[in-house]
Amino acid sequence: HSTASDKYLDFGCLVLDAANRAAEIYEVRKPDEKRYLLNFAFSNLSLMDKKIKFSFNSIFQAVYDYSKTQDVLPSMDSDHDKRGQNPLSCH
């Protein structure tokens, strides 16, 4: 259980790092790598009337929602009791 929890935390930190550095990463990548990055972060990408339409993949939607509301991300333990729990840190 603790190994799975550590891997979940590592993956979350990786996603947050990618989200924070997405523009920087995108600028220096080759076209096929840019496509992979876009597919990793977005779903349903389309162009209509010169406007890009998109949806975030679920993990990036959670990051986006957090950035807008500053609410705690859903990282509570199984009893979902927020009292006495500290938010996870990627530092």
C-alpha atoms as a PDB file:
ATOM      1  CA  HIS A   1       0.000   0.000   0.000  1.00  0.00           C
ATOM      2  CA  SER A   2       2.773   2.462   0.879  1.00  0.00           C
ATOM      3  CA  THR A   3       4.596   1.694  -2.400  1.00  0.00           C
ATOM      4  CA  ALA A   4       1.436   2.462  -4.386  1.00  0.00           C
ATOM      5  CA  SER A   5       0.971   5.660  -2.392  1.00  0.00           C
ATOM      6  CA  ASP A   6       4.562   6.753  -3.143  1.00  0.00           C
ATOM      7  CA  LYS A   7       4.108   6.026  -6.855  1.00  0.00           C
ATOM      8  CA  TYR A   8       0.849   8.008  -6.865  1.00  0.00           C
ATOM      9  CA  LEU A   9       2.640  10.939  -5.231  1.00  0.00           C
ATOM     10  CA  ASP A  10       5.560  10.697  -7.689  1.00  0.00           C
ATOM     11  CA  PHE A  11       3.174  10.643 -10.642  1.00  0.00           C
ATOM     12  CA  GLY A  12       1.279  13.640  -9.253  1.00  0.00           C
ATOM     13  CA  CYS A  13       4.515  15.602  -8.871  1.00  0.00           C
ATOM     14  CA  LEU A  14       5.502  14.688 -12.428  1.00  0.00           C
ATOM     15  CA  VAL A  15       2.148  15.925 -13.746  1.00  0.00           C
ATOM     16  CA  LEU A  16       2.422  19.195 -11.800  1.00  0.00           C
ATOM     17  CA  ASP A  17       5.956  19.733 -13.100  1.00  0.00           C
ATOM     18  CA  ALA A  18       4.841  19.064 -16.681  1.00  0.00           C
ATOM     19  CA  ALA A  19       1.894  21.437 -16.269  1.00  0.00           C
ATOM     20  CA  ASN A  20       4.111  24.199 -14.867  1.00  0.00           C
ATOM     21  CA  ARG A  21       6.726  23.804 -17.599  1.00  0.00           C
ATOM     22  CA  ALA A  22       4.494  22.858 -20.557  1.00  0.00           C
ATOM     23  CA  ALA A  23       5.267  25.930 -22.688  1.00  0.00           C
ATOM     24  CA  GLU A  24       9.007  25.599 -22.066  1.00  0.00           C
ATOM     25  CA  ILE A  25       8.957  21.883 -22.885  1.00  0.00           C
ATOM     26  CA  TYR A  26       6.801  22.393 -25.986  1.00  0.00           C
ATOM     27  CA  GLU A  27       9.102  25.045 -27.492  1.00  0.00           C
ATOM     28  CA  VAL A  28      12.152  22.786 -27.693  1.00  0.00           C
ATOM     29  CA  ARG A  29      10.506  19.547 -28.878  1.00  0.00           C
ATOM     30  CA  LYS A  30      10.287  18.000 -32.337  1.00  0.00           C
ATOM     31  CA  PRO A  31       6.847  17.885 -34.032  1.00  0.00           C
ATOM     32  CA  ASP A  32       6.145  14.258 -33.059  1.00  0.00           C
ATOM     33  CA  GLU A  33       7.077  15.004 -29.436  1.00  0.00           C
ATOM     34  CA  LYS A  34       4.837  18.092 -29.465  1.00  0.00           C
ATOM     35  CA  ARG A  35       1.964  15.923 -30.704  1.00  0.00           C
ATOM     36  CA  TYR A  36       2.604  13.430 -27.887  1.00  0.00           C
ATOM     37  CA  LEU A  37       2.628  16.243 -25.293  1.00  0.00           C
ATOM     38  CA  LEU A  38      -0.640  17.666 -26.628  1.00  0.00           C
ATOM     39  CA  ASN A  39      -2.271  14.224 -26.605  1.00  0.00           C
ATOM     40  CA  PHE A  40      -1.025  13.665 -23.051  1.00  0.00           C
ATOM     41  CA  ALA A  41      -2.621  16.872 -21.747  1.00  0.00           C
ATOM     42  CA  PHE A  42      -5.717  17.224 -23.942  1.00  0.00           C
ATOM     43  CA  SER A  43      -8.509  15.177 -25.431  1.00  0.00           C
ATOM     44  CA  ASN A  44     -10.951  16.093 -28.171  1.00  0.00           C
ATOM     45  CA  LEU A  45      -8.688  18.673 -29.823  1.00  0.00           C
ATOM     46  CA  SER A  46     -10.321  20.265 -32.847  1.00  0.00           C
ATOM     47  CA  LEU A  47     -10.264  23.435 -34.902  1.00  0.00           C
ATOM     48  CA  MET A  48     -13.552  25.108 -35.757  1.00  0.00           C
ATOM     49  CA  ASP A  49     -13.982  28.595 -37.226  1.00  0.00           C
ATOM     50  CA  LYS A  50     -10.318  29.375 -36.493  1.00  0.00           C
ATOM     51  CA  LYS A  51     -10.822  28.528 -32.806  1.00  0.00           C
ATOM     52  CA  ILE A  52      -9.298  25.602 -30.954  1.00  0.00           C
ATOM     53  CA  LYS A  53     -11.755  23.448 -29.040  1.00  0.00           C
ATOM     54  CA  PHE A  54     -10.417  21.066 -26.387  1.00  0.00           C
ATOM     55  CA  SER A  55     -10.947  19.198 -23.172  1.00  0.00           C
ATOM     56  CA  PHE A  56      -8.230  18.468 -20.645  1.00  0.00           C
ATOM     57  CA  ASN A  57      -7.420  14.867 -19.811  1.00  0.00           C
ATOM     58  CA  SER A  58      -8.679  14.191 -16.288  1.00  0.00           C
ATOM     59  CA  ILE A  59      -5.453  14.747 -14.353  1.00  0.00           C
ATOM     60  CA  PHE A  60      -4.807  18.062 -16.107  1.00  0.00           C
ATOM     61  CA  GLN A  61      -8.439  19.085 -15.546  1.00  0.00           C
ATOM     62  CA  ALA A  62      -7.828  18.630 -11.819  1.00  0.00           C
ATOM     63  CA  VAL A  63      -4.695  20.812 -12.027  1.00  0.00           C
ATOM     64  CA  TYR A  64      -6.610  23.458 -14.011  1.00  0.00           C
ATOM     65  CA  ASP A  65      -9.529  23.430 -11.562  1.00  0.00           C
ATOM     66  CA  TYR A  66      -7.131  23.778  -8.652  1.00  0.00           C
ATOM     67  CA  SER A  67      -5.368  26.723 -10.300  1.00  0.00           C
ATOM     68  CA  LYS A  68      -8.708  28.533 -10.633  1.00  0.00           C
ATOM     69  CA  THR A  69     -10.166  27.784  -7.200  1.00  0.00           C
ATOM     70  CA  GLN A  70      -7.142  27.009  -4.994  1.00  0.00           C
ATOM     71  CA  ASP A  71      -9.242  24.242  -3.404  1.00  0.00           C
ATOM     72  CA  VAL A  72      -7.406  21.232  -2.062  1.00  0.00           C
ATOM     73  CA  LEU A  73      -6.873  18.587  -4.707  1.00  0.00           C
ATOM     74  CA  PRO A  74      -8.602  15.265  -4.040  1.00  0.00           C
ATOM     75  CA  SER A  75      -5.663  13.710  -2.207  1.00  0.00           C
ATOM     76  CA  MET A  76      -7.281  12.672   1.062  1.00  0.00           C
ATOM     77  CA  ASP A  77      -6.950   9.187   2.462  1.00  0.00           C
ATOM     78  CA  SER A  78      -9.674   6.566   2.210  1.00  0.00           C
ATOM     79  CA  ASP A  79     -11.843   7.922   5.028  1.00  0.00           C
ATOM     80  CA  HIS A  80     -12.106  11.317   3.254  1.00  0.00           C
ATOM     81  CA  ASP A  81     -11.950  13.123   6.589  1.00  0.00           C
ATOM     82  CA  LYS A  82     -10.041  16.372   6.004  1.00  0.00           C
ATOM     83  CA  ARG A  83      -9.430  17.027   9.713  1.00  0.00           C
ATOM     84  CA  GLY A  84      -5.828  16.513  10.692  1.00  0.00           C
ATOM     85  CA  GLN A  85      -4.553  15.779   7.192  1.00  0.00           C
ATOM     86  CA  ASN A  86      -1.809  17.771   5.575  1.00  0.00           C
ATOM     87  CA  PRO A  87      -1.844  18.502   1.837  1.00  0.00           C
ATOM     88  CA  LEU A  88       0.758  16.547  -0.105  1.00  0.00           C
ATOM     89  CA  SER A  89       3.891  18.391  -1.083  1.00  0.00           C
ATOM     90  CA  CYS A  90       6.130  17.866  -4.085  1.00  0.00           C
ATOM     91  CA  HIS A  91       9.094  19.645  -2.518  1.00  0.00           C
END
